[in-house]
């Protein structure tokens, strides 16, 4: 279910915990439904990050895992114990994707990891 805003359908993704650092530990944070594969794409509208005391670090968002990881956005900063919201009001690039979107933190200090949620615009 999505929200219609300015003739766009904005769909919130699940809240996902990033518990390990590095591209090899990249986790799928938004799954493109099978019915949309090849027919539609998505754009990242907003990113909500809550750092569970994992130390100040950066989050990379893209497609793929490990050596096949390709960034969609520049690294996003997140700070120890704080909520970070990136969206249209913060000049977040609206990167388009045709595949599942993955993410990983560059480093983690704590064991609780980082929670992340995307808001997606369905295109096509």
Protein backbone atom coordinates (compact mmCIF):
# COMPACT_ATOMS: atom_id res chain seq x y z
CA UNK A 1 0.00 0.00 0.00
CA UNK A 2 1.39 3.40 -0.89
CA UNK A 3 0.66 7.06 -0.41
CA UNK A 4 -0.25 9.19 -3.47
CA UNK A 5 1.67 12.49 -3.31
CA UNK A 6 1.91 14.85 -6.29
CA UNK A 7 0.86 12.06 -8.70
CA UNK A 8 3.59 9.77 -7.30
CA UNK A 9 3.08 6.58 -5.32
CA UNK A 10 5.37 6.64 -2.28
CA UNK A 11 5.83 3.24 -0.62
CA UNK A 12 7.53 2.84 2.77
CA UNK A 13 9.90 -0.11 3.02
CA UNK A 14 10.49 -2.30 6.06
CA UNK A 15 12.76 -1.27 8.93
CA UNK A 16 15.92 -3.34 8.54
CA UNK A 17 18.81 -3.73 10.99
CA UNK A 18 22.34 -3.51 9.59
CA UNK A 19 24.26 -5.63 12.07
CA UNK A 20 27.61 -6.04 10.27
CA UNK A 21 29.99 -3.73 8.42
CA UNK A 22 31.46 -4.00 4.94
CA UNK A 23 30.20 -4.70 1.42
CA UNK A 24 30.27 -8.47 2.01
CA UNK A 25 27.67 -7.93 4.77
CA UNK A 26 25.31 -5.83 2.63
CA UNK A 27 21.66 -6.53 3.45
CA UNK A 28 18.60 -6.16 1.19
CA UNK A 29 16.70 -3.15 2.55
CA UNK A 30 14.07 -2.95 -0.21
CA UNK A 31 12.89 -5.85 -2.36
CA UNK A 32 11.46 -5.12 -5.78
CA UNK A 33 8.26 -7.22 -6.02
CA UNK A 34 8.50 -9.97 -8.66
CA UNK A 35 5.43 -8.52 -10.43
CA UNK A 36 7.35 -5.25 -11.00
CA UNK A 37 10.63 -6.74 -12.26
CA UNK A 38 11.25 -5.62 -15.81
CA UNK A 39 8.04 -3.58 -15.90
CA UNK A 40 8.73 -0.81 -13.38
CA UNK A 41 11.60 0.75 -11.51
CA UNK A 42 11.82 2.58 -8.20
CA UNK A 43 13.46 5.79 -6.99
CA UNK A 44 14.70 6.38 -3.47
CA UNK A 45 12.53 9.20 -2.09
CA UNK A 46 13.75 9.28 1.53
CA UNK A 47 16.09 7.42 3.88
CA UNK A 48 15.49 7.16 7.63
CA UNK A 49 18.39 5.91 9.73
CA UNK A 50 18.54 5.26 13.47
CA UNK A 51 21.99 4.58 14.86
CA UNK A 52 21.64 2.24 17.87
CA UNK A 53 24.84 3.52 19.51
CA UNK A 54 26.95 1.90 16.79
CA UNK A 55 29.38 4.85 16.68
CA UNK A 56 29.46 7.62 14.11
CA UNK A 57 29.79 6.01 10.66
CA UNK A 58 28.54 6.16 7.09
CA UNK A 59 25.94 4.05 5.29
CA UNK A 60 26.31 3.03 1.65
CA UNK A 61 23.15 2.26 -0.33
CA UNK A 62 23.23 0.51 -3.69
CA UNK A 63 22.67 -2.76 -5.52
CA UNK A 64 24.48 -6.05 -4.99
CA UNK A 65 26.71 -7.55 -2.31
CA UNK A 66 30.47 -7.81 -1.84
CA UNK A 67 32.56 -7.11 -4.94
CA UNK A 68 29.38 -6.73 -7.02
CA UNK A 69 28.10 -3.84 -4.84
CA UNK A 70 27.41 -0.66 -6.86
CA UNK A 71 26.49 2.49 -4.92
CA UNK A 72 23.33 4.38 -5.88
CA UNK A 73 23.94 7.29 -3.50
CA UNK A 74 26.92 9.01 -1.91
CA UNK A 75 27.73 7.79 1.62
CA UNK A 76 25.19 9.00 4.21
CA UNK A 77 26.44 10.07 7.65
CA UNK A 78 24.91 8.63 10.81
CA UNK A 79 25.80 9.57 14.37
CA UNK A 80 25.92 7.62 17.61
CA UNK A 81 22.41 7.27 19.14
CA UNK A 82 20.72 9.69 16.72
CA UNK A 83 18.06 9.55 14.02
CA UNK A 84 19.16 10.80 10.58
CA UNK A 85 16.54 11.66 7.97
CA UNK A 86 17.53 12.23 4.35
CA UNK A 87 14.89 13.20 1.81
CA UNK A 88 13.73 15.78 -0.74
CA UNK A 89 14.21 18.60 1.78
CA UNK A 90 17.88 17.61 2.27
CA UNK A 91 18.76 17.39 -1.45
CA UNK A 92 18.88 13.59 -1.43
CA UNK A 93 19.58 12.31 -4.94
CA UNK A 94 16.62 10.33 -6.26
CA UNK A 95 18.54 7.35 -7.58
CA UNK A 96 16.60 4.94 -9.79
CA UNK A 97 16.92 1.19 -9.35
CA UNK A 98 15.72 -1.84 -11.30
CA UNK A 99 16.96 -4.36 -8.72
CA UNK A 100 16.75 -5.03 -4.98
CA UNK A 101 18.36 -2.24 -2.95
CA UNK A 102 21.06 -3.18 -0.45
CA UNK A 103 23.00 -1.27 2.21
CA UNK A 104 25.84 -1.63 4.66
CA UNK A 105 27.62 0.52 7.25
CA UNK A 106 31.30 1.32 6.67
CA UNK A 107 32.08 0.47 10.31
CA UNK A 108 30.26 -0.51 13.52
CA UNK A 109 31.38 0.14 17.06
CA UNK A 110 28.41 -1.31 19.00
CA UNK A 111 26.60 -4.63 18.74
CA UNK A 112 23.09 -3.25 18.18
CA UNK A 113 23.72 -2.11 14.61
CA UNK A 114 21.84 0.52 12.65
CA UNK A 115 18.16 0.55 11.66
CA UNK A 116 17.31 1.84 8.19
CA UNK A 117 14.09 2.40 6.27
CA UNK A 118 13.58 3.64 2.71
CA UNK A 119 10.64 5.45 1.17
CA UNK A 120 10.36 4.52 -2.50
CA UNK A 121 8.64 6.10 -5.52
CA UNK A 122 7.33 3.56 -8.05
CA UNK A 123 8.16 4.64 -11.64
CA UNK A 124 6.40 3.47 -14.80
